[in-house]
Amino acid sequence: MAVGKQVSVGTIFFLAQKSGWQASNKHTSDVAEKGWPVLISVAELLKLPPPEYLIESILPYKGVAIMAGKSGDMKSFLAISFAMAVATNSNVGTWVVKPGNALYMMNEGQAGFGLRYEAWLKYHNHKSPNAFKAFTMTPNLMHPESLEPFVEEIIRKGFCPNFIVFDTYSKAIVGGDDNQTKDVSLAIQTAYGLAEKFDALVLIIDHVGKDPKRGVRGSYAKYGNADAVRRKKLYIFLVYSHSMNSSGWSWTNKWRREFPPSIIILLR
């Protein structure tokens, strides 16, 4: 070998193996604990556990998901139903739910949220759960550092959410452009940072475009950052408070609601 000639890693491995060296998995667990990348075989890959569901067949146990639909598609009602099911250990229709703590972060619709919350409790005959908390604002997903005061407050209250709802995406990207791949990717990465902080699922409420058949509004990066896309017809029993009397709201007008097929769920 010529003096001064650069030697590649491949050459070093070849010469080491030729001399009898064999790779060892002795330090694999130590490397994994440090969060470093670990090279695994196909056999090891096949042994990895299957994905867990927070809500059976709909939402994974952790990560980031985007639920999008047209205005009037009852997206917030559906998100509240999901969150309340998690917080009260209730099924969503026939779908099994893993119980946990739910956090609802809203930057619109704050005035009507309480009525929807009470309607769900009334219909399902539940008391207000300690496992459900809310913020009347959201971090700005264009600025990862904006997560810090929210995370600090959550920790200060001793609350560890398994399910976090952002309602809505459009008002949580102040200064960002929904049509720019860079901005959308940053927003999703910021949401993913929050999910990783609590080992939770973050569900972002979004809108479809003018033509619902073309999917979620904005940059295609939302699909590019997704591991799966699902369109489902979802059936939930809801209660509508239609009148006010001396005793308070009347909760008598019930109906079976089919959520439109324009609702799309992107999963990462």
C-alpha atoms as a PDB file:
ATOM      1  CA  MET A   1       0.000   0.000   0.000  1.00  0.00           C
ATOM      2  CA  ALA A   2       1.490   3.354  -1.033  1.00  0.00           C
ATOM      3  CA  VAL A   3       2.531   5.696   1.785  1.00  0.00           C
ATOM      4  CA  GLY A   4       0.164   8.651   2.209  1.00  0.00           C
ATOM      5  CA  LYS A   5      -2.674   7.047   0.236  1.00  0.00           C
ATOM      6  CA  GLN A   6      -6.115   7.487   1.812  1.00  0.00           C
ATOM      7  CA  VAL A   7      -7.788   4.287   2.968  1.00  0.00           C
ATOM      8  CA  SER A   8     -11.561   3.920   2.840  1.00  0.00           C
ATOM      9  CA  VAL A   9     -13.686   2.444   5.636  1.00  0.00           C
ATOM     10  CA  GLY A  10     -14.602  -0.374   3.247  1.00  0.00           C
ATOM     11  CA  THR A  11     -10.926  -1.285   2.809  1.00  0.00           C
ATOM     12  CA  ILE A  12     -10.406  -1.324   6.594  1.00  0.00           C
ATOM     13  CA  PHE A  13     -13.379  -3.664   7.047  1.00  0.00           C
ATOM     14  CA  PHE A  14     -12.148  -5.931   4.255  1.00  0.00           C
ATOM     15  CA  LEU A  15      -8.653  -6.214   5.716  1.00  0.00           C
ATOM     16  CA  ALA A  16     -10.009  -6.724   9.267  1.00  0.00           C
ATOM     17  CA  GLN A  17     -12.338  -9.532   8.181  1.00  0.00           C
ATOM     18  CA  LYS A  18      -9.548 -11.105   6.144  1.00  0.00           C
ATOM     19  CA  SER A  19      -7.500 -11.160   9.360  1.00  0.00           C
ATOM     20  CA  GLY A  20     -10.278 -12.956  11.254  1.00  0.00           C
ATOM     21  CA  TRP A  21     -12.177 -10.010  12.822  1.00  0.00           C
ATOM     22  CA  GLN A  22     -15.955 -10.471  13.329  1.00  0.00           C
ATOM     23  CA  ALA A  23     -18.570  -7.884  14.132  1.00  0.00           C
ATOM     24  CA  SER A  24     -20.105  -7.947  17.623  1.00  0.00           C
ATOM     25  CA  ASN A  25     -23.534  -6.816  18.865  1.00  0.00           C
ATOM     26  CA  LYS A  26     -22.170  -6.363  22.391  1.00  0.00           C
ATOM     27  CA  HIS A  27     -22.617  -2.589  22.470  1.00  0.00           C
ATOM     28  CA  THR A  28     -25.884  -2.371  20.494  1.00  0.00           C
ATOM     29  CA  SER A  29     -28.082  -1.800  23.568  1.00  0.00           C
ATOM     30  CA  ASP A  30     -25.745   0.903  24.914  1.00  0.00           C
ATOM     31  CA  VAL A  31     -25.816   2.718  21.583  1.00  0.00           C
ATOM     32  CA  ALA A  32     -29.625   2.498  21.391  1.00  0.00           C
ATOM     33  CA  GLU A  33     -29.998   3.928  24.906  1.00  0.00           C
ATOM     34  CA  LYS A  34     -27.936   6.955  23.868  1.00  0.00           C
ATOM     35  CA  GLY A  35     -30.291   7.582  20.953  1.00  0.00           C
ATOM     36  CA  TRP A  36     -27.613   6.833  18.376  1.00  0.00           C
ATOM     37  CA  PRO A  37     -28.455   5.092  15.097  1.00  0.00           C
ATOM     38  CA  VAL A  38     -28.296   1.286  15.266  1.00  0.00           C
ATOM     39  CA  LEU A  39     -27.762  -0.891  12.200  1.00  0.00           C
ATOM     40  CA  ILE A  40     -30.109  -3.894  12.285  1.00  0.00           C
ATOM     41  CA  SER A  41     -30.664  -6.910  10.077  1.00  0.00           C
ATOM     42  CA  VAL A  42     -33.847  -7.799   8.202  1.00  0.00           C
ATOM     43  CA  ALA A  43     -34.461 -10.577  10.752  1.00  0.00           C
ATOM     44  CA  GLU A  44     -34.273  -8.002  13.575  1.00  0.00           C
ATOM     45  CA  LEU A  45     -36.490  -5.634  11.612  1.00  0.00           C
ATOM     46  CA  LEU A  46     -39.176  -8.309  11.290  1.00  0.00           C
ATOM     47  CA  LYS A  47     -39.110  -8.839  15.055  1.00  0.00           C
ATOM     48  CA  LEU A  48     -40.051  -5.223  15.786  1.00  0.00           C
ATOM     49  CA  PRO A  49     -43.475  -4.937  17.470  1.00  0.00           C
ATOM     50  CA  PRO A  50     -46.411  -3.948  15.255  1.00  0.00           C
ATOM     51  CA  PRO A  51     -47.767  -0.399  15.594  1.00  0.00           C
ATOM     52  CA  GLU A  52     -50.107   0.231  18.511  1.00  0.00           C
ATOM     53  CA  TYR A  53     -53.375   2.102  18.141  1.00  0.00           C
ATOM     54  CA  LEU A  54     -54.710   4.810  20.412  1.00  0.00           C
ATOM     55  CA  ILE A  55     -58.066   4.488  18.665  1.00  0.00           C
ATOM     56  CA  GLU A  56     -58.483   1.154  16.924  1.00  0.00           C
ATOM     57  CA  SER A  57     -58.040   1.276  13.137  1.00  0.00           C
ATOM     58  CA  ILE A  58     -58.038   5.096  13.165  1.00  0.00           C
ATOM     59  CA  LEU A  59     -55.208   6.716  15.122  1.00  0.00           C
ATOM     60  CA  PRO A  60     -51.791   5.331  16.144  1.00  0.00           C
ATOM     61  CA  TYR A  61     -50.635   5.385  19.755  1.00  0.00           C
ATOM     62  CA  LYS A  62     -48.001   8.057  19.136  1.00  0.00           C
ATOM     63  CA  GLY A  63     -46.643  10.325  16.418  1.00  0.00           C
ATOM     64  CA  VAL A  64     -48.350  13.060  14.412  1.00  0.00           C
ATOM     65  CA  ALA A  65     -51.636  12.884  12.502  1.00  0.00           C
ATOM     66  CA  ILE A  66     -53.543  15.481  10.467  1.00  0.00           C
ATOM     67  CA  MET A  67     -57.336  15.275  10.273  1.00  0.00           C
ATOM     68  CA  ALA A  68     -58.763  17.442   7.509  1.00  0.00           C
ATOM     69  CA  GLY A  69     -62.232  18.188   6.190  1.00  0.00           C
ATOM     70  CA  LYS A  70     -64.428  20.951   4.798  1.00  0.00           C
ATOM     71  CA  SER A  71     -65.928  23.682   6.970  1.00  0.00           C
ATOM     72  CA  GLY A  72     -69.027  22.199   8.562  1.00  0.00           C
ATOM     73  CA  ASP A  73     -67.694  18.636   8.478  1.00  0.00           C
ATOM     74  CA  MET A  74     -67.749  18.577  12.309  1.00  0.00           C
ATOM     75  CA  LYS A  75     -63.983  18.182  12.607  1.00  0.00           C
ATOM     76  CA  SER A  76     -63.827  19.750  16.069  1.00  0.00           C
ATOM     77  CA  PHE A  77     -66.766  17.636  17.281  1.00  0.00           C
ATOM     78  CA  LEU A  78     -64.961  14.541  16.101  1.00  0.00           C
ATOM     79  CA  ALA A  79     -61.664  15.615  17.711  1.00  0.00           C
ATOM     80  CA  ILE A  80     -63.455  16.303  21.011  1.00  0.00           C
ATOM     81  CA  SER A  81     -65.100  12.872  20.791  1.00  0.00           C
ATOM     82  CA  PHE A  82     -61.681  11.273  20.315  1.00  0.00           C
ATOM     83  CA  ALA A  83     -60.160  13.231  23.206  1.00  0.00           C
ATOM     84  CA  MET A  84     -63.034  12.518  25.571  1.00  0.00           C
ATOM     85  CA  ALA A  85     -62.980   8.829  24.707  1.00  0.00           C
ATOM     86  CA  VAL A  86     -59.282   8.681  25.620  1.00  0.00           C
ATOM     87  CA  ALA A  87     -59.812  10.644  28.847  1.00  0.00           C
ATOM     88  CA  THR A  88     -62.807   8.574  30.009  1.00  0.00           C
ATOM     89  CA  ASN A  89     -61.736   5.137  28.761  1.00  0.00           C
ATOM     90  CA  SER A  90     -64.696   4.963  26.384  1.00  0.00           C
ATOM     91  CA  ASN A  91     -64.893   3.381  22.951  1.00  0.00           C
ATOM     92  CA  VAL A  92     -65.470   5.413  19.799  1.00  0.00           C
ATOM     93  CA  GLY A  93     -68.453   3.588  18.374  1.00  0.00           C
ATOM     94  CA  THR A  94     -67.231   0.008  18.041  1.00  0.00           C
ATOM     95  CA  TRP A  95     -63.545   1.010  17.996  1.00  0.00           C
ATOM     96  CA  VAL A  96     -61.548   0.243  21.121  1.00  0.00           C
ATOM     97  CA  VAL A  97     -59.658   3.151  22.710  1.00  0.00           C
ATOM     98  CA  LYS A  98     -56.579   3.026  24.926  1.00  0.00           C
ATOM     99  CA  PRO A  99     -57.227   5.237  27.954  1.00  0.00           C
ATOM    100  CA  GLY A 100     -54.884   8.061  28.863  1.00  0.00           C
ATOM    101  CA  ASN A 101     -54.620  11.812  29.365  1.00  0.00           C
ATOM    102  CA  ALA A 102     -55.993  14.115  26.676  1.00  0.00           C
ATOM    103  CA  LEU A 103     -54.931  17.717  26.040  1.00  0.00           C
ATOM    104  CA  TYR A 104     -56.977  19.981  23.766  1.00  0.00           C
ATOM    105  CA  MET A 105     -55.172  23.089  22.456  1.00  0.00           C
ATOM    106  CA  MET A 106     -57.449  25.535  20.656  1.00  0.00           C
ATOM    107  CA  ASN A 107     -56.847  28.830  18.889  1.00  0.00           C
ATOM    108  CA  GLU A 108     -60.434  29.213  17.671  1.00  0.00           C
ATOM    109  CA  GLY A 109     -63.915  28.249  18.853  1.00  0.00           C
ATOM    110  CA  GLN A 110     -63.071  28.756  22.520  1.00  0.00           C
ATOM    111  CA  ALA A 111     -66.495  30.256  23.303  1.00  0.00           C
ATOM    112  CA  GLY A 112     -68.416  27.205  22.092  1.00  0.00           C
ATOM    113  CA  PHE A 113     -66.024  24.556  23.333  1.00  0.00           C
ATOM    114  CA  GLY A 114     -67.584  24.281  26.788  1.00  0.00           C
ATOM    115  CA  LEU A 115     -71.020  23.524  25.323  1.00  0.00           C
ATOM    116  CA  ARG A 116     -69.641  20.736  23.143  1.00  0.00           C
ATOM    117  CA  TYR A 117     -67.723  19.347  26.111  1.00  0.00           C
ATOM    118  CA  GLU A 118     -70.809  19.354  28.345  1.00  0.00           C
ATOM    119  CA  ALA A 119     -72.917  17.817  25.566  1.00  0.00           C
ATOM    120  CA  TRP A 120     -70.544  14.867  25.296  1.00  0.00           C
ATOM    121  CA  LEU A 121     -70.537  14.343  29.076  1.00  0.00           C
ATOM    122  CA  LYS A 122     -74.316  14.600  29.268  1.00  0.00           C
ATOM    123  CA  TYR A 123     -74.986  12.119  26.499  1.00  0.00           C
ATOM    124  CA  HIS A 124     -72.402   9.579  27.696  1.00  0.00           C
ATOM    125  CA  ASN A 125     -73.361  10.037  31.347  1.00  0.00           C
ATOM    126  CA  HIS A 126     -69.817  10.874  32.454  1.00  0.00           C
ATOM    127  CA  LYS A 127     -68.489  13.279  35.060  1.00  0.00           C
ATOM    128  CA  SER A 128     -65.818  15.739  33.984  1.00  0.00           C
ATOM    129  CA  PRO A 129     -62.581  13.690  33.921  1.00  0.00           C
ATOM    130  CA  ASN A 130     -59.314  14.781  35.528  1.00  0.00           C
ATOM    131  CA  ALA A 131     -57.595  13.191  32.540  1.00  0.00           C
ATOM    132  CA  PHE A 132     -58.763  16.012  30.239  1.00  0.00           C
ATOM    133  CA  LYS A 133     -57.119  19.460  30.158  1.00  0.00           C
ATOM    134  CA  ALA A 134     -57.153  22.352  27.698  1.00  0.00           C
ATOM    135  CA  PHE A 135     -55.264  25.431  26.565  1.00  0.00           C
ATOM    136  CA  THR A 136     -57.152  28.346  24.991  1.00  0.00           C
ATOM    137  CA  MET A 137     -54.172  29.013  22.719  1.00  0.00           C
ATOM    138  CA  THR A 138     -51.621  26.991  20.785  1.00  0.00           C
ATOM    139  CA  PRO A 139     -47.886  27.233  20.183  1.00  0.00           C
ATOM    140  CA  ASN A 140     -46.749  28.640  16.859  1.00  0.00           C
ATOM    141  CA  LEU A 141     -45.581  25.611  14.890  1.00  0.00           C
ATOM    142  CA  MET A 142     -43.284  27.869  12.849  1.00  0.00           C
ATOM    143  CA  HIS A 143     -41.211  28.466  15.986  1.00  0.00           C
ATOM    144  CA  PRO A 144     -40.158  25.299  17.865  1.00  0.00           C
ATOM    145  CA  GLU A 145     -39.126  27.401  20.869  1.00  0.00           C
ATOM    146  CA  SER A 146     -42.779  28.432  21.330  1.00  0.00           C
ATOM    147  CA  LEU A 147     -43.419  24.929  22.704  1.00  0.00           C
ATOM    148  CA  GLU A 148     -41.346  25.649  25.818  1.00  0.00           C
ATOM    149  CA  PRO A 149     -43.859  27.617  27.963  1.00  0.00           C
ATOM    150  CA  PHE A 150     -46.598  25.098  27.168  1.00  0.00           C
ATOM    151  CA  VAL A 151     -44.378  22.141  28.053  1.00  0.00           C
ATOM    152  CA  GLU A 152     -43.284  23.858  31.272  1.00  0.00           C
ATOM    153  CA  GLU A 153     -46.899  24.512  32.304  1.00  0.00           C
ATOM    154  CA  ILE A 154     -47.919  20.922  31.541  1.00  0.00           C
ATOM    155  CA  ILE A 155     -45.030  19.572  33.615  1.00  0.00           C
ATOM    156  CA  ARG A 156     -45.688  22.071  36.409  1.00  0.00           C
ATOM    157  CA  LYS A 157     -49.256  20.768  36.692  1.00  0.00           C
ATOM    158  CA  GLY A 158     -48.019  17.171  36.764  1.00  0.00           C
ATOM    159  CA  PHE A 159     -49.975  16.302  33.643  1.00  0.00           C
ATOM    160  CA  CYS A 160     -48.541  13.919  31.019  1.00  0.00           C
ATOM    161  CA  PRO A 161     -50.780  13.824  27.901  1.00  0.00           C
ATOM    162  CA  ASN A 162     -51.035  10.767  25.665  1.00  0.00           C
ATOM    163  CA  PHE A 163     -53.232  12.563  23.120  1.00  0.00           C
ATOM    164  CA  ILE A 164     -52.809  16.221  22.090  1.00  0.00           C
ATOM    165  CA  VAL A 165     -55.155  18.065  19.725  1.00  0.00           C
ATOM    166  CA  PHE A 166     -54.190  21.234  17.794  1.00  0.00           C
ATOM    167  CA  ASP A 167     -57.344  23.059  16.695  1.00  0.00           C
ATOM    168  CA  THR A 168     -56.608  24.499  14.138  1.00  0.00           C
ATOM    169  CA  TYR A 169     -53.511  24.190  11.961  1.00  0.00           C
ATOM    170  CA  SER A 170     -54.098  27.390   9.966  1.00  0.00           C
ATOM    171  CA  LYS A 171     -53.892  29.595  13.085  1.00  0.00           C
ATOM    172  CA  ALA A 172     -50.928  27.671  14.502  1.00  0.00           C
ATOM    173  CA  ILE A 173     -48.531  28.590  11.672  1.00  0.00           C
ATOM    174  CA  VAL A 174     -48.424  32.374  12.118  1.00  0.00           C
ATOM    175  CA  GLY A 175     -45.850  33.797   9.720  1.00  0.00           C
ATOM    176  CA  GLY A 176     -45.749  30.591   7.704  1.00  0.00           C
ATOM    177  CA  ASP A 177     -47.081  29.807   4.228  1.00  0.00           C
ATOM    178  CA  ASP A 178     -49.239  26.694   3.966  1.00  0.00           C
ATOM    179  CA  ASN A 179     -48.254  26.342   0.306  1.00  0.00           C
ATOM    180  CA  GLN A 180     -44.514  26.296   0.982  1.00  0.00           C
ATOM    181  CA  THR A 181     -42.922  22.877   1.487  1.00  0.00           C
ATOM    182  CA  LYS A 182     -40.278  24.295   3.851  1.00  0.00           C
ATOM    183  CA  ASP A 183     -42.856  25.883   6.163  1.00  0.00           C
ATOM    184  CA  VAL A 184     -45.142  22.857   6.225  1.00  0.00           C
ATOM    185  CA  SER A 185     -42.231  20.517   6.958  1.00  0.00           C
ATOM    186  CA  LEU A 186     -41.095  22.776   9.818  1.00  0.00           C
ATOM    187  CA  ALA A 187     -44.601  22.867  11.296  1.00  0.00           C
ATOM    188  CA  ILE A 188     -44.918  19.088  11.240  1.00  0.00           C
ATOM    189  CA  GLN A 189     -41.434  18.647  12.716  1.00  0.00           C
ATOM    190  CA  THR A 190     -42.344  21.034  15.556  1.00  0.00           C
ATOM    191  CA  ALA A 191     -45.511  19.036  16.238  1.00  0.00           C
ATOM    192  CA  TYR A 192     -43.447  15.861  16.168  1.00  0.00           C
ATOM    193  CA  GLY A 193     -41.098  17.394  18.742  1.00  0.00           C
ATOM    194  CA  LEU A 194     -44.066  17.878  21.084  1.00  0.00           C
ATOM    195  CA  ALA A 195     -45.227  14.310  20.456  1.00  0.00           C
ATOM    196  CA  GLU A 196     -41.779  12.961  21.306  1.00  0.00           C
ATOM    197  CA  LYS A 197     -41.602  15.087  24.463  1.00  0.00           C
ATOM    198  CA  PHE A 198     -44.549  13.228  25.986  1.00  0.00           C
ATOM    199  CA  ASP A 199     -44.415  10.027  23.925  1.00  0.00           C
ATOM    200  CA  ALA A 200     -47.866  11.038  22.669  1.00  0.00           C
ATOM    201  CA  LEU A 201     -49.987  11.399  19.545  1.00  0.00           C
ATOM    202  CA  VAL A 202     -50.492  14.934  18.240  1.00  0.00           C
ATOM    203  CA  LEU A 203     -53.637  15.351  16.111  1.00  0.00           C
ATOM    204  CA  ILE A 204     -53.733  18.518  13.990  1.00  0.00           C
ATOM    205  CA  ILE A 205     -57.085  19.783  12.683  1.00  0.00           C
ATOM    206  CA  ASP A 206     -56.808  21.105   9.124  1.00  0.00           C
ATOM    207  CA  HIS A 207     -58.966  21.844   6.075  1.00  0.00           C
ATOM    208  CA  VAL A 208     -59.270  20.316   2.631  1.00  0.00           C
ATOM    209  CA  GLY A 209     -58.897  22.544  -0.403  1.00  0.00           C
ATOM    210  CA  LYS A 210     -61.649  24.021  -2.557  1.00  0.00           C
ATOM    211  CA  ASP A 211     -61.881  20.664  -4.318  1.00  0.00           C
ATOM    212  CA  PRO A 212     -62.087  18.056  -1.497  1.00  0.00           C
ATOM    213  CA  LYS A 213     -61.156  15.308  -3.972  1.00  0.00           C
ATOM    214  CA  ARG A 214     -57.669  16.820  -4.185  1.00  0.00           C
ATOM    215  CA  GLY A 215     -57.159  16.311  -0.465  1.00  0.00           C
ATOM    216  CA  VAL A 216     -55.697  18.429   2.303  1.00  0.00           C
ATOM    217  CA  ARG A 217     -55.204  22.134   1.653  1.00  0.00           C
ATOM    218  CA  GLY A 218     -51.712  23.495   1.091  1.00  0.00           C
ATOM    219  CA  SER A 219     -48.363  21.977   0.235  1.00  0.00           C
ATOM    220  CA  TYR A 220     -48.127  18.326  -0.753  1.00  0.00           C
ATOM    221  CA  ALA A 221     -45.427  18.091   1.935  1.00  0.00           C
ATOM    222  CA  LYS A 222     -48.263  17.126   4.302  1.00  0.00           C
ATOM    223  CA  TYR A 223     -48.621  13.911   2.322  1.00  0.00           C
ATOM    224  CA  GLY A 224     -44.864  13.628   1.904  1.00  0.00           C
ATOM    225  CA  ASN A 225     -44.437  13.647   5.695  1.00  0.00           C
ATOM    226  CA  ALA A 226     -47.208  11.075   6.211  1.00  0.00           C
ATOM    227  CA  ASP A 227     -46.745   7.340   6.603  1.00  0.00           C
ATOM    228  CA  ALA A 228     -50.348   6.622   5.683  1.00  0.00           C
ATOM    229  CA  VAL A 229     -53.517   8.298   4.444  1.00  0.00           C
ATOM    230  CA  ARG A 230     -56.951   7.103   5.494  1.00  0.00           C
ATOM    231  CA  ARG A 231     -60.436   8.061   4.415  1.00  0.00           C
ATOM    232  CA  LYS A 232     -63.120   6.688   6.697  1.00  0.00           C
ATOM    233  CA  LYS A 233     -66.812   7.100   7.244  1.00  0.00           C
ATOM    234  CA  LEU A 234     -67.073   7.721  10.959  1.00  0.00           C
ATOM    235  CA  TYR A 235     -70.275   7.331  12.927  1.00  0.00           C
ATOM    236  CA  ILE A 236     -70.549   9.073  16.294  1.00  0.00           C
ATOM    237  CA  PHE A 237     -73.580   9.766  18.467  1.00  0.00           C
ATOM    238  CA  LEU A 238     -73.692  13.490  19.216  1.00  0.00           C
ATOM    239  CA  VAL A 239     -75.984  15.767  21.179  1.00  0.00           C
ATOM    240  CA  TYR A 240     -77.037  19.189  20.047  1.00  0.00           C
ATOM    241  CA  SER A 241     -78.083  21.836  22.580  1.00  0.00           C
ATOM    242  CA  HIS A 242     -80.928  23.594  20.813  1.00  0.00           C
ATOM    243  CA  SER A 243     -82.699  25.738  23.401  1.00  0.00           C
ATOM    244  CA  MET A 244     -82.145  27.730  26.562  1.00  0.00           C
ATOM    245  CA  ASN A 245     -84.620  27.851  29.434  1.00  0.00           C
ATOM    246  CA  SER A 246     -84.592  28.793  33.118  1.00  0.00           C
ATOM    247  CA  SER A 247     -82.944  25.477  33.975  1.00  0.00           C
ATOM    248  CA  GLY A 248     -80.118  25.920  31.464  1.00  0.00           C
ATOM    249  CA  TRP A 249     -79.449  24.220  28.175  1.00  0.00           C
ATOM    250  CA  SER A 250     -81.812  21.510  26.982  1.00  0.00           C
ATOM    251  CA  TRP A 251     -79.998  18.396  25.764  1.00  0.00           C
ATOM    252  CA  THR A 252     -82.914  16.663  24.078  1.00  0.00           C
ATOM    253  CA  ASN A 253     -82.179  16.893  20.360  1.00  0.00           C
ATOM    254  CA  LYS A 254     -80.058  13.825  19.552  1.00  0.00           C
ATOM    255  CA  TRP A 255     -79.100  12.406  16.204  1.00  0.00           C
ATOM    256  CA  ARG A 256     -76.783   9.865  14.626  1.00  0.00           C
ATOM    257  CA  ARG A 257     -74.179  11.752  12.675  1.00  0.00           C
ATOM    258  CA  GLU A 258     -72.268  10.324   9.730  1.00  0.00           C
ATOM    259  CA  PHE A 259     -69.075  12.285   9.258  1.00  0.00           C
ATOM    260  CA  PRO A 260     -68.556  13.064   5.565  1.00  0.00           C
ATOM    261  CA  PRO A 261     -66.048  11.007   3.562  1.00  0.00           C
ATOM    262  CA  SER A 262     -64.181  14.262   2.825  1.00  0.00           C
ATOM    263  CA  ILE A 263     -62.565  13.883   6.258  1.00  0.00           C
ATOM    264  CA  ILE A 264     -59.009  12.691   5.636  1.00  0.00           C
ATOM    265  CA  ILE A 265     -56.525  11.478   8.232  1.00  0.00           C
ATOM    266  CA  LEU A 266     -52.809  11.669   7.442  1.00  0.00           C
ATOM    267  CA  LEU A 267     -50.624   9.563   9.707  1.00  0.00           C
ATOM    268  CA  ARG A 268     -46.925   9.851  10.296  1.00  0.00           C
END
